[in-house]
Amino acid sequence: MIVRLATPLRSYTATRGVVDAEGATLADLLHDLDRQFPGLRFRIIDEQDRIRPHVKLFVNQDQVHTLAAPLATGDEIHVVCALSGG
């Protein structure tokens, strides 16, 4: 599956904005991403295995709110991060 990553997460992927990962669920996919790019998952998921509040995950064009969301071959996953500052 294609995973598109927000710019703040690209330091984990050697600046690549698009990577490939596999998984039957979003949780599986995030574990595969972390296997390939250590530390990336922790920037998306907190210590209680919840999606961090400033991160939004989309499968195709639909926002998902659970790591149990099923994935299918050909799905495109977008990881979007909110930025703050002034």
N, C-alpha and C. Protein backbone atom coordinates (compact mmCIF):
# COMPACT_ATOMS: atom_id res chain seq x y z
N MET A 1 0.84 -1.18 0.00
CA MET A 1 0.00 0.00 0.00
C MET A 1 0.89 1.24 0.00
N ILE A 2 0.38 2.27 -0.58
CA ILE A 2 1.09 3.54 -0.59
C ILE A 2 0.72 4.32 0.66
N VAL A 3 1.74 4.85 1.33
CA VAL A 3 1.54 5.69 2.51
C VAL A 3 2.15 7.05 2.22
N ARG A 4 1.35 8.08 2.34
CA ARG A 4 1.82 9.45 2.14
C ARG A 4 1.97 10.10 3.52
N LEU A 5 3.18 10.61 3.77
CA LEU A 5 3.50 11.14 5.08
C LEU A 5 3.62 12.66 5.06
N ALA A 6 3.13 13.29 6.12
CA ALA A 6 3.27 14.73 6.28
C ALA A 6 4.75 15.09 6.43
N THR A 7 5.09 16.28 6.03
CA THR A 7 6.48 16.74 6.06
C THR A 7 7.15 16.57 7.43
N PRO A 8 6.49 16.86 8.56
CA PRO A 8 7.18 16.71 9.85
C PRO A 8 7.63 15.28 10.17
N LEU A 9 7.09 14.29 9.49
CA LEU A 9 7.46 12.89 9.76
C LEU A 9 8.54 12.38 8.82
N ARG A 10 8.91 13.15 7.84
CA ARG A 10 9.84 12.67 6.81
C ARG A 10 11.28 12.53 7.28
N SER A 11 11.61 13.08 8.42
CA SER A 11 12.96 12.87 8.95
C SER A 11 13.20 11.40 9.29
N TYR A 12 12.13 10.64 9.49
CA TYR A 12 12.24 9.21 9.78
C TYR A 12 12.40 8.37 8.52
N THR A 13 12.07 8.94 7.38
CA THR A 13 12.08 8.19 6.12
C THR A 13 13.11 8.73 5.13
N ALA A 14 14.14 9.38 5.64
CA ALA A 14 15.17 9.99 4.78
C ALA A 14 14.53 10.95 3.78
N THR A 15 13.59 11.73 4.26
CA THR A 15 12.86 12.78 3.54
C THR A 15 11.87 12.26 2.49
N ARG A 16 11.64 10.97 2.46
CA ARG A 16 10.66 10.43 1.51
C ARG A 16 9.24 10.73 2.00
N GLY A 17 8.43 11.30 1.12
CA GLY A 17 7.05 11.62 1.45
C GLY A 17 6.08 10.50 1.13
N VAL A 18 6.53 9.56 0.30
CA VAL A 18 5.69 8.42 -0.08
C VAL A 18 6.51 7.16 0.13
N VAL A 19 5.93 6.23 0.91
CA VAL A 19 6.59 4.95 1.19
C VAL A 19 5.58 3.83 0.99
N ASP A 20 6.07 2.61 0.96
CA ASP A 20 5.21 1.43 0.86
C ASP A 20 5.19 0.70 2.19
N ALA A 21 4.05 0.17 2.55
CA ALA A 21 3.91 -0.64 3.76
C ALA A 21 2.77 -1.62 3.55
N GLU A 22 2.74 -2.64 4.39
CA GLU A 22 1.72 -3.69 4.30
C GLU A 22 1.01 -3.87 5.63
N GLY A 23 -0.21 -4.39 5.58
CA GLY A 23 -0.94 -4.71 6.79
C GLY A 23 -2.41 -4.95 6.49
N ALA A 24 -3.01 -5.84 7.26
CA ALA A 24 -4.44 -6.12 7.10
C ALA A 24 -5.29 -5.05 7.79
N THR A 25 -4.68 -4.39 8.79
CA THR A 25 -5.36 -3.31 9.50
C THR A 25 -4.40 -2.12 9.57
N LEU A 26 -4.92 -1.00 10.01
CA LEU A 26 -4.08 0.18 10.17
C LEU A 26 -2.99 -0.08 11.22
N ALA A 27 -3.33 -0.80 12.28
CA ALA A 27 -2.33 -1.14 13.31
C ALA A 27 -1.20 -1.96 12.70
N ASP A 28 -1.53 -2.94 11.89
CA ASP A 28 -0.51 -3.77 11.23
C ASP A 28 0.37 -2.91 10.33
N LEU A 29 -0.24 -2.03 9.59
CA LEU A 29 0.51 -1.16 8.68
C LEU A 29 1.48 -0.28 9.46
N LEU A 30 1.04 0.27 10.60
CA LEU A 30 1.92 1.11 11.40
C LEU A 30 3.08 0.32 11.99
N HIS A 31 2.86 -0.93 12.34
CA HIS A 31 3.95 -1.79 12.81
C HIS A 31 4.95 -2.04 11.68
N ASP A 32 4.45 -2.24 10.47
CA ASP A 32 5.35 -2.43 9.33
C ASP A 32 6.15 -1.15 9.06
N LEU A 33 5.50 -0.01 9.15
CA LEU A 33 6.22 1.26 8.98
C LEU A 33 7.32 1.41 10.02
N ASP A 34 7.00 1.04 11.26
CA ASP A 34 8.00 1.17 12.33
C ASP A 34 9.15 0.19 12.15
N ARG A 35 8.87 -0.96 11.57
CA ARG A 35 9.93 -1.93 11.27
C ARG A 35 10.90 -1.34 10.24
N GLN A 36 10.33 -0.67 9.25
CA GLN A 36 11.14 -0.07 8.20
C GLN A 36 11.80 1.23 8.62
N PHE A 37 11.08 2.01 9.43
CA PHE A 37 11.52 3.34 9.82
C PHE A 37 11.36 3.49 11.34
N PRO A 38 12.31 2.95 12.11
CA PRO A 38 12.19 2.94 13.57
C PRO A 38 11.90 4.33 14.16
N GLY A 39 10.92 4.36 15.06
CA GLY A 39 10.53 5.58 15.73
C GLY A 39 9.36 6.29 15.09
N LEU A 40 9.03 5.95 13.86
CA LEU A 40 7.94 6.63 13.15
C LEU A 40 6.58 6.39 13.82
N ARG A 41 6.32 5.17 14.20
CA ARG A 41 5.02 4.82 14.80
C ARG A 41 4.73 5.65 16.05
N PHE A 42 5.78 5.85 16.88
CA PHE A 42 5.60 6.59 18.13
C PHE A 42 5.22 8.05 17.87
N ARG A 43 5.53 8.58 16.73
CA ARG A 43 5.14 9.95 16.39
C ARG A 43 3.68 10.02 15.97
N ILE A 44 3.09 8.87 15.66
CA ILE A 44 1.70 8.80 15.21
C ILE A 44 0.79 8.27 16.31
N ILE A 45 1.29 7.31 17.09
CA ILE A 45 0.51 6.61 18.12
C ILE A 45 1.14 6.86 19.49
N ASP A 46 0.30 7.08 20.51
CA ASP A 46 0.84 7.32 21.85
C ASP A 46 1.07 6.02 22.62
N GLU A 47 1.44 6.15 23.88
CA GLU A 47 1.77 5.00 24.73
C GLU A 47 0.57 4.10 25.01
N GLN A 48 -0.64 4.60 24.84
CA GLN A 48 -1.85 3.82 25.05
C GLN A 48 -2.42 3.28 23.74
N ASP A 49 -1.60 3.28 22.69
CA ASP A 49 -2.02 2.82 21.36
C ASP A 49 -3.22 3.59 20.81
N ARG A 50 -3.22 4.89 21.06
CA ARG A 50 -4.25 5.77 20.50
C ARG A 50 -3.59 6.71 19.49
N ILE A 51 -4.34 7.08 18.50
CA ILE A 51 -3.85 8.04 17.52
C ILE A 51 -3.65 9.37 18.24
N ARG A 52 -2.46 9.95 18.08
CA ARG A 52 -2.18 11.23 18.75
C ARG A 52 -3.17 12.30 18.28
N PRO A 53 -3.55 13.22 19.20
CA PRO A 53 -4.58 14.22 18.87
C PRO A 53 -4.25 15.11 17.67
N HIS A 54 -2.98 15.37 17.44
CA HIS A 54 -2.60 16.26 16.35
C HIS A 54 -2.40 15.52 15.03
N VAL A 55 -2.64 14.22 15.01
CA VAL A 55 -2.46 13.40 13.81
C VAL A 55 -3.82 12.94 13.29
N LYS A 56 -3.99 13.03 12.01
CA LYS A 56 -5.20 12.52 11.35
C LYS A 56 -4.77 11.47 10.34
N LEU A 57 -5.48 10.34 10.34
CA LEU A 57 -5.18 9.24 9.42
C LEU A 57 -6.36 9.06 8.47
N PHE A 58 -6.03 8.91 7.19
CA PHE A 58 -7.03 8.72 6.16
C PHE A 58 -6.72 7.47 5.38
N VAL A 59 -7.73 6.67 5.13
CA VAL A 59 -7.63 5.54 4.22
C VAL A 59 -8.42 5.95 2.99
N ASN A 60 -7.68 6.05 1.89
CA ASN A 60 -8.22 6.65 0.68
C ASN A 60 -8.64 8.08 1.06
N GLN A 61 -9.88 8.44 1.00
CA GLN A 61 -10.26 9.81 1.37
C GLN A 61 -11.08 9.87 2.64
N ASP A 62 -11.16 8.75 3.36
CA ASP A 62 -11.99 8.70 4.56
C ASP A 62 -11.12 8.71 5.82
N GLN A 63 -11.42 9.65 6.72
CA GLN A 63 -10.69 9.69 7.98
C GLN A 63 -11.05 8.47 8.81
N VAL A 64 -10.04 7.86 9.42
CA VAL A 64 -10.28 6.72 10.31
C VAL A 64 -9.89 7.12 11.72
N HIS A 65 -10.60 6.55 12.69
CA HIS A 65 -10.40 6.91 14.08
C HIS A 65 -9.96 5.73 14.93
N THR A 66 -9.75 4.59 14.30
CA THR A 66 -9.37 3.40 15.04
C THR A 66 -8.27 2.66 14.31
N LEU A 67 -7.37 2.09 15.08
CA LEU A 67 -6.28 1.30 14.50
C LEU A 67 -6.77 -0.03 13.97
N ALA A 68 -7.98 -0.42 14.32
CA ALA A 68 -8.55 -1.68 13.84
C ALA A 68 -9.14 -1.54 12.44
N ALA A 69 -9.08 -0.36 11.85
CA ALA A 69 -9.64 -0.14 10.52
C ALA A 69 -9.01 -1.12 9.53
N PRO A 70 -9.85 -1.85 8.79
CA PRO A 70 -9.31 -2.82 7.82
C PRO A 70 -8.74 -2.11 6.60
N LEU A 71 -7.74 -2.73 6.02
CA LEU A 71 -7.12 -2.21 4.81
C LEU A 71 -7.22 -3.25 3.70
N ALA A 72 -7.24 -2.77 2.47
CA ALA A 72 -7.32 -3.66 1.31
C ALA A 72 -6.19 -3.29 0.35
N THR A 73 -5.81 -4.26 -0.45
CA THR A 73 -4.80 -4.02 -1.47
C THR A 73 -5.22 -2.83 -2.32
N GLY A 74 -4.30 -1.92 -2.54
CA GLY A 74 -4.59 -0.75 -3.35
C GLY A 74 -5.02 0.46 -2.56
N ASP A 75 -5.27 0.30 -1.25
CA ASP A 75 -5.62 1.46 -0.43
C ASP A 75 -4.45 2.44 -0.37
N GLU A 76 -4.77 3.70 -0.22
CA GLU A 76 -3.77 4.74 -0.05
C GLU A 76 -4.00 5.37 1.31
N ILE A 77 -2.94 5.42 2.11
CA ILE A 77 -3.04 5.94 3.47
C ILE A 77 -2.34 7.28 3.53
N HIS A 78 -3.00 8.26 4.15
CA HIS A 78 -2.43 9.59 4.33
C HIS A 78 -2.26 9.83 5.82
N VAL A 79 -1.09 10.28 6.23
CA VAL A 79 -0.82 10.65 7.61
C VAL A 79 -0.61 12.16 7.61
N VAL A 80 -1.53 12.87 8.26
CA VAL A 80 -1.52 14.33 8.27
C VAL A 80 -1.30 14.80 9.70
N CYS A 81 -0.42 15.78 9.87
CA CYS A 81 -0.11 16.32 11.21
C CYS A 81 -0.49 17.80 11.25
N ALA A 82 -1.12 18.19 12.35
CA ALA A 82 -1.39 19.61 12.57
C ALA A 82 -0.12 20.24 13.12
N LEU A 83 0.12 21.47 12.76
CA LEU A 83 1.28 22.22 13.26
C LEU A 83 0.78 23.35 14.13
N SER A 84 1.58 23.70 15.11
CA SER A 84 1.24 24.85 15.95
C SER A 84 2.45 25.76 16.00
N GLY A 85 2.22 26.91 16.49
CA GLY A 85 3.31 27.88 16.59
C GLY A 85 2.79 29.27 16.31
N GLY A 86 3.69 30.18 16.27
CA GLY A 86 3.23 31.54 16.02
C GLY A 86 4.30 32.43 15.54
